[in-house]
Amino acid sequence: MTKPRFLCDENIDPDLVDAIRQMGPAIDVIRVGDPGAPPLGTKDPDLLIAAEASGRVFVSHDRRSMSGHLANHYAAGRHTAGIILLRRRFSIGQYAREIVNQWATTTADEWVDRTMYLP
C-alpha cells in the first residue's frame, strides 16, 4: 500500500509545509522551489505534468485557473496523481491536519485523477 506524496505550489505558505512535516514526519511533501521539486516560477501546466511524472498529489490555492489547466491536461490524455485545491478559509493548522488525515486514511491509488477541495 503506497501512501500519497505531495507537491505544494509555490503559493502555498511554507509554514503549511512545515506543519505537515511536523504532524506527519513520514509524509513525503515538497514545495515548488525545494530540492527535488520544480523550480520557482514554473507555470501551472508544467507543474501538473511534473506532479504526474513524480506521482505526487498537487496542492494549490489556484482554484480559478486550475480548472482550465486541468481540463487541458486531461484533454491531452494526461492524468494526475491527485489534486488538492485549498480555499482560503482554514488556518494553516486546519489545512495541515486535513492533509495529514488524507495521507493517513488513503492510498496513492485512491488519488489518481481525483480533485479535492478544502474546505
N, C-alpha and C. Protein backbone atom coordinates (compact mmCIF):
# COMPACT_ATOMS: atom_id res chain seq x y z
N MET A 1 0.83 -1.18 0.00
CA MET A 1 0.00 0.00 0.00
C MET A 1 0.88 1.25 0.00
N THR A 2 0.91 1.95 -1.10
CA THR A 2 1.71 3.16 -1.23
C THR A 2 0.92 4.36 -0.73
N LYS A 3 1.56 5.18 0.07
CA LYS A 3 0.92 6.38 0.60
C LYS A 3 1.06 7.53 -0.39
N PRO A 4 0.11 8.46 -0.39
CA PRO A 4 0.25 9.61 -1.28
C PRO A 4 1.47 10.46 -0.91
N ARG A 5 2.06 11.05 -1.94
CA ARG A 5 3.15 12.01 -1.76
C ARG A 5 2.63 13.34 -2.31
N PHE A 6 3.15 14.45 -1.84
CA PHE A 6 2.58 15.74 -2.16
C PHE A 6 3.60 16.71 -2.74
N LEU A 7 3.14 17.51 -3.71
CA LEU A 7 3.89 18.64 -4.25
C LEU A 7 3.04 19.88 -4.04
N CYS A 8 3.52 20.81 -3.24
CA CYS A 8 2.80 22.05 -2.98
C CYS A 8 3.28 23.15 -3.92
N ASP A 9 2.33 23.87 -4.46
CA ASP A 9 2.62 25.01 -5.33
C ASP A 9 3.40 26.06 -4.55
N GLU A 10 4.09 26.93 -5.25
CA GLU A 10 4.88 27.95 -4.57
C GLU A 10 4.01 28.97 -3.85
N ASN A 11 2.71 29.04 -4.18
CA ASN A 11 1.82 29.98 -3.48
C ASN A 11 1.33 29.41 -2.14
N ILE A 12 1.69 28.20 -1.84
CA ILE A 12 1.37 27.60 -0.54
C ILE A 12 2.36 28.13 0.50
N ASP A 13 1.83 28.58 1.62
CA ASP A 13 2.66 29.12 2.69
C ASP A 13 3.66 28.05 3.15
N PRO A 14 4.95 28.38 3.19
CA PRO A 14 5.93 27.39 3.66
C PRO A 14 5.62 26.89 5.07
N ASP A 15 4.92 27.69 5.87
CA ASP A 15 4.54 27.24 7.21
C ASP A 15 3.59 26.05 7.16
N LEU A 16 2.77 25.97 6.10
CA LEU A 16 1.88 24.81 5.95
C LEU A 16 2.71 23.56 5.69
N VAL A 17 3.69 23.66 4.83
CA VAL A 17 4.55 22.51 4.54
C VAL A 17 5.27 22.08 5.81
N ASP A 18 5.78 23.05 6.57
CA ASP A 18 6.44 22.73 7.84
C ASP A 18 5.49 22.06 8.82
N ALA A 19 4.23 22.54 8.88
CA ALA A 19 3.24 21.96 9.79
C ALA A 19 2.92 20.52 9.40
N ILE A 20 2.80 20.26 8.10
CA ILE A 20 2.55 18.89 7.64
C ILE A 20 3.71 17.99 8.05
N ARG A 21 4.92 18.47 7.85
CA ARG A 21 6.10 17.68 8.20
C ARG A 21 6.18 17.42 9.71
N GLN A 22 5.78 18.39 10.52
CA GLN A 22 5.81 18.22 11.97
C GLN A 22 4.74 17.23 12.43
N MET A 23 3.54 17.33 11.85
CA MET A 23 2.45 16.45 12.25
C MET A 23 2.63 15.03 11.73
N GLY A 24 3.27 14.92 10.58
CA GLY A 24 3.46 13.60 9.96
C GLY A 24 4.85 13.48 9.40
N PRO A 25 5.84 13.23 10.24
CA PRO A 25 7.22 13.18 9.76
C PRO A 25 7.46 12.17 8.64
N ALA A 26 6.61 11.17 8.51
CA ALA A 26 6.79 10.17 7.45
C ALA A 26 6.21 10.62 6.12
N ILE A 27 5.50 11.74 6.10
CA ILE A 27 4.85 12.21 4.88
C ILE A 27 5.89 12.82 3.95
N ASP A 28 5.85 12.42 2.70
CA ASP A 28 6.74 12.94 1.67
C ASP A 28 6.04 14.15 1.05
N VAL A 29 6.45 15.34 1.46
CA VAL A 29 5.86 16.58 0.95
C VAL A 29 6.98 17.55 0.61
N ILE A 30 6.91 18.09 -0.62
CA ILE A 30 7.85 19.10 -1.05
C ILE A 30 7.06 20.27 -1.62
N ARG A 31 7.74 21.39 -1.72
CA ARG A 31 7.13 22.61 -2.25
C ARG A 31 7.95 23.05 -3.47
N VAL A 32 7.27 23.61 -4.46
CA VAL A 32 7.97 24.14 -5.63
C VAL A 32 9.11 25.03 -5.13
N GLY A 33 10.29 24.80 -5.68
CA GLY A 33 11.49 25.52 -5.26
C GLY A 33 12.37 24.73 -4.32
N ASP A 34 11.81 23.69 -3.69
CA ASP A 34 12.60 22.82 -2.81
C ASP A 34 13.51 21.93 -3.66
N PRO A 35 14.58 21.39 -3.06
CA PRO A 35 15.38 20.41 -3.78
C PRO A 35 14.50 19.22 -4.21
N GLY A 36 14.64 18.81 -5.44
CA GLY A 36 13.85 17.70 -5.96
C GLY A 36 12.50 18.09 -6.50
N ALA A 37 12.16 19.39 -6.40
CA ALA A 37 10.87 19.90 -6.90
C ALA A 37 11.14 20.81 -8.10
N PRO A 38 10.10 21.08 -8.89
CA PRO A 38 10.30 22.05 -9.97
C PRO A 38 10.73 23.41 -9.40
N PRO A 39 11.44 24.20 -10.20
CA PRO A 39 11.92 25.49 -9.71
C PRO A 39 10.79 26.52 -9.55
N LEU A 40 11.05 27.51 -8.69
CA LEU A 40 10.11 28.62 -8.55
C LEU A 40 9.85 29.24 -9.91
N GLY A 41 8.61 29.68 -10.13
CA GLY A 41 8.25 30.29 -11.40
C GLY A 41 7.75 29.32 -12.44
N THR A 42 7.76 28.02 -12.14
CA THR A 42 7.26 27.02 -13.09
C THR A 42 5.76 27.24 -13.28
N LYS A 43 5.31 27.27 -14.50
CA LYS A 43 3.90 27.51 -14.83
C LYS A 43 3.04 26.31 -14.43
N ASP A 44 1.78 26.60 -14.09
CA ASP A 44 0.87 25.55 -13.62
C ASP A 44 0.75 24.35 -14.55
N PRO A 45 0.60 24.54 -15.87
CA PRO A 45 0.52 23.34 -16.73
C PRO A 45 1.75 22.44 -16.60
N ASP A 46 2.92 23.06 -16.45
CA ASP A 46 4.15 22.27 -16.29
C ASP A 46 4.22 21.62 -14.91
N LEU A 47 3.64 22.29 -13.90
CA LEU A 47 3.59 21.69 -12.57
C LEU A 47 2.69 20.46 -12.56
N LEU A 48 1.59 20.52 -13.30
CA LEU A 48 0.71 19.35 -13.39
C LEU A 48 1.45 18.18 -14.02
N ILE A 49 2.22 18.46 -15.05
CA ILE A 49 2.99 17.40 -15.71
C ILE A 49 4.06 16.86 -14.76
N ALA A 50 4.74 17.75 -14.05
CA ALA A 50 5.78 17.31 -13.10
C ALA A 50 5.18 16.49 -11.96
N ALA A 51 4.04 16.92 -11.45
CA ALA A 51 3.38 16.17 -10.37
C ALA A 51 2.94 14.80 -10.86
N GLU A 52 2.41 14.74 -12.07
CA GLU A 52 2.01 13.46 -12.65
C GLU A 52 3.23 12.55 -12.81
N ALA A 53 4.31 13.08 -13.36
CA ALA A 53 5.51 12.28 -13.62
C ALA A 53 6.13 11.76 -12.32
N SER A 54 6.03 12.54 -11.25
CA SER A 54 6.63 12.12 -9.99
C SER A 54 5.64 11.42 -9.07
N GLY A 55 4.38 11.28 -9.52
CA GLY A 55 3.37 10.58 -8.72
C GLY A 55 3.00 11.33 -7.46
N ARG A 56 2.95 12.66 -7.54
CA ARG A 56 2.63 13.48 -6.37
C ARG A 56 1.28 14.16 -6.51
N VAL A 57 0.53 14.17 -5.42
CA VAL A 57 -0.71 14.93 -5.35
C VAL A 57 -0.30 16.40 -5.35
N PHE A 58 -0.88 17.19 -6.24
CA PHE A 58 -0.54 18.60 -6.36
C PHE A 58 -1.47 19.42 -5.48
N VAL A 59 -0.89 20.27 -4.62
CA VAL A 59 -1.65 21.08 -3.67
C VAL A 59 -1.48 22.55 -4.06
N SER A 60 -2.62 23.25 -4.23
CA SER A 60 -2.58 24.63 -4.70
C SER A 60 -3.75 25.43 -4.16
N HIS A 61 -3.60 26.76 -4.15
CA HIS A 61 -4.69 27.68 -3.86
C HIS A 61 -5.33 28.16 -5.16
N ASP A 62 -4.78 27.80 -6.29
CA ASP A 62 -5.10 28.36 -7.60
C ASP A 62 -6.40 27.79 -8.16
N ARG A 63 -7.49 27.99 -7.48
CA ARG A 63 -8.76 27.38 -7.89
C ARG A 63 -9.28 27.92 -9.22
N ARG A 64 -9.14 29.21 -9.44
CA ARG A 64 -9.72 29.82 -10.65
C ARG A 64 -9.06 29.32 -11.93
N SER A 65 -7.75 29.37 -11.99
CA SER A 65 -7.08 28.99 -13.23
C SER A 65 -6.85 27.48 -13.33
N MET A 66 -6.83 26.80 -12.19
CA MET A 66 -6.50 25.37 -12.21
C MET A 66 -7.54 24.55 -12.95
N SER A 67 -8.82 24.93 -12.89
CA SER A 67 -9.83 24.13 -13.58
C SER A 67 -9.57 24.10 -15.09
N GLY A 68 -9.17 25.23 -15.67
CA GLY A 68 -8.83 25.26 -17.09
C GLY A 68 -7.57 24.48 -17.39
N HIS A 69 -6.58 24.61 -16.54
CA HIS A 69 -5.33 23.86 -16.74
C HIS A 69 -5.60 22.35 -16.64
N LEU A 70 -6.44 21.97 -15.68
CA LEU A 70 -6.78 20.54 -15.54
C LEU A 70 -7.54 20.03 -16.76
N ALA A 71 -8.48 20.82 -17.26
CA ALA A 71 -9.24 20.41 -18.45
C ALA A 71 -8.29 20.19 -19.63
N ASN A 72 -7.35 21.09 -19.82
CA ASN A 72 -6.37 20.93 -20.91
C ASN A 72 -5.46 19.72 -20.67
N HIS A 73 -5.08 19.51 -19.42
CA HIS A 73 -4.22 18.39 -19.04
C HIS A 73 -4.92 17.06 -19.38
N TYR A 74 -6.18 16.94 -18.98
CA TYR A 74 -6.93 15.72 -19.27
C TYR A 74 -7.23 15.58 -20.76
N ALA A 75 -7.52 16.70 -21.45
CA ALA A 75 -7.79 16.66 -22.88
C ALA A 75 -6.57 16.18 -23.67
N ALA A 76 -5.39 16.41 -23.13
CA ALA A 76 -4.16 15.95 -23.77
C ALA A 76 -3.87 14.48 -23.47
N GLY A 77 -4.82 13.82 -22.78
CA GLY A 77 -4.66 12.39 -22.48
C GLY A 77 -3.80 12.13 -21.25
N ARG A 78 -3.56 13.16 -20.47
CA ARG A 78 -2.73 13.02 -19.28
C ARG A 78 -3.59 12.67 -18.07
N HIS A 79 -2.94 12.39 -16.97
CA HIS A 79 -3.60 12.05 -15.72
C HIS A 79 -2.96 12.84 -14.59
N THR A 80 -3.53 12.71 -13.41
CA THR A 80 -2.91 13.32 -12.22
C THR A 80 -2.77 12.24 -11.16
N ALA A 81 -1.88 12.50 -10.24
CA ALA A 81 -1.75 11.65 -9.05
C ALA A 81 -2.66 12.20 -7.96
N GLY A 82 -3.48 13.18 -8.33
CA GLY A 82 -4.43 13.82 -7.42
C GLY A 82 -4.17 15.30 -7.32
N ILE A 83 -5.23 16.02 -6.96
CA ILE A 83 -5.16 17.47 -6.80
C ILE A 83 -5.90 17.83 -5.52
N ILE A 84 -5.30 18.68 -4.71
CA ILE A 84 -5.99 19.28 -3.56
C ILE A 84 -5.98 20.78 -3.78
N LEU A 85 -7.17 21.37 -3.86
CA LEU A 85 -7.30 22.81 -4.02
C LEU A 85 -7.79 23.41 -2.71
N LEU A 86 -7.02 24.33 -2.18
CA LEU A 86 -7.32 24.93 -0.89
C LEU A 86 -8.07 26.23 -1.07
N ARG A 87 -9.18 26.34 -0.38
CA ARG A 87 -9.88 27.62 -0.30
C ARG A 87 -9.26 28.38 0.86
N ARG A 88 -9.37 29.65 0.87
CA ARG A 88 -8.71 30.47 1.89
C ARG A 88 -9.59 30.69 3.11
N ARG A 89 -10.08 29.61 3.70
CA ARG A 89 -10.94 29.73 4.88
C ARG A 89 -10.40 29.02 6.10
N PHE A 90 -9.43 28.16 5.92
CA PHE A 90 -8.88 27.39 7.03
C PHE A 90 -7.59 28.04 7.52
N SER A 91 -7.25 27.74 8.75
CA SER A 91 -5.94 28.13 9.27
C SER A 91 -4.91 27.12 8.75
N ILE A 92 -3.64 27.48 8.87
CA ILE A 92 -2.57 26.56 8.47
C ILE A 92 -2.71 25.24 9.22
N GLY A 93 -3.00 25.30 10.52
CA GLY A 93 -3.16 24.08 11.31
C GLY A 93 -4.29 23.21 10.82
N GLN A 94 -5.41 23.83 10.43
CA GLN A 94 -6.55 23.06 9.93
C GLN A 94 -6.21 22.38 8.60
N TYR A 95 -5.58 23.13 7.70
CA TYR A 95 -5.16 22.53 6.43
C TYR A 95 -4.20 21.38 6.67
N ALA A 96 -3.22 21.60 7.54
CA ALA A 96 -2.22 20.56 7.81
C ALA A 96 -2.88 19.32 8.37
N ARG A 97 -3.78 19.48 9.33
CA ARG A 97 -4.48 18.31 9.91
C ARG A 97 -5.27 17.56 8.85
N GLU A 98 -5.93 18.29 7.97
CA GLU A 98 -6.73 17.63 6.93
C GLU A 98 -5.84 16.88 5.94
N ILE A 99 -4.74 17.47 5.53
CA ILE A 99 -3.83 16.79 4.60
C ILE A 99 -3.19 15.57 5.26
N VAL A 100 -2.79 15.71 6.51
CA VAL A 100 -2.24 14.57 7.25
C VAL A 100 -3.29 13.47 7.37
N ASN A 101 -4.52 13.84 7.63
CA ASN A 101 -5.61 12.86 7.72
C ASN A 101 -5.81 12.14 6.38
N GLN A 102 -5.79 12.89 5.29
CA GLN A 102 -5.93 12.27 3.97
C GLN A 102 -4.79 11.31 3.71
N TRP A 103 -3.57 11.71 4.09
CA TRP A 103 -2.42 10.83 3.91
C TRP A 103 -2.60 9.55 4.72
N ALA A 104 -3.09 9.68 5.96
CA ALA A 104 -3.20 8.54 6.87
C ALA A 104 -4.31 7.57 6.46
N THR A 105 -5.34 8.08 5.78
CA THR A 105 -6.53 7.26 5.53
C THR A 105 -6.71 6.85 4.08
N THR A 106 -5.78 7.22 3.20
CA THR A 106 -5.92 6.86 1.79
C THR A 106 -4.62 6.28 1.26
N THR A 107 -4.72 5.71 0.09
CA THR A 107 -3.53 5.23 -0.62
C THR A 107 -3.34 6.09 -1.87
N ALA A 108 -2.16 6.03 -2.43
CA ALA A 108 -1.87 6.80 -3.64
C ALA A 108 -2.83 6.44 -4.77
N ASP A 109 -3.16 5.16 -4.88
CA ASP A 109 -4.07 4.71 -5.94
C ASP A 109 -5.44 5.38 -5.86
N GLU A 110 -5.89 5.70 -4.67
CA GLU A 110 -7.19 6.34 -4.49
C GLU A 110 -7.21 7.78 -4.98
N TRP A 111 -6.05 8.36 -5.19
CA TRP A 111 -5.95 9.77 -5.58
C TRP A 111 -5.87 9.97 -7.09
N VAL A 112 -5.64 8.92 -7.86
CA VAL A 112 -5.46 9.08 -9.30
C VAL A 112 -6.66 9.79 -9.92
N ASP A 113 -6.38 10.91 -10.58
CA ASP A 113 -7.37 11.75 -11.27
C ASP A 113 -8.47 12.30 -10.34
N ARG A 114 -8.21 12.32 -9.06
CA ARG A 114 -9.17 12.85 -8.07
C ARG A 114 -8.81 14.29 -7.72
N THR A 115 -9.84 15.12 -7.59
CA THR A 115 -9.65 16.51 -7.14
C THR A 115 -10.46 16.70 -5.87
N MET A 116 -9.81 17.25 -4.86
CA MET A 116 -10.46 17.51 -3.57
C MET A 116 -10.33 18.99 -3.26
N TYR A 117 -11.43 19.56 -2.77
CA TYR A 117 -11.43 20.95 -2.35
C TYR A 117 -11.48 21.01 -0.83
N LEU A 118 -10.60 21.85 -0.24
CA LEU A 118 -10.60 22.04 1.21
C LEU A 118 -10.83 23.51 1.51
N PRO A 119 -11.66 23.92 2.38
CA PRO A 119 -12.78 23.16 2.94
C PRO A 119 -13.85 22.98 1.90
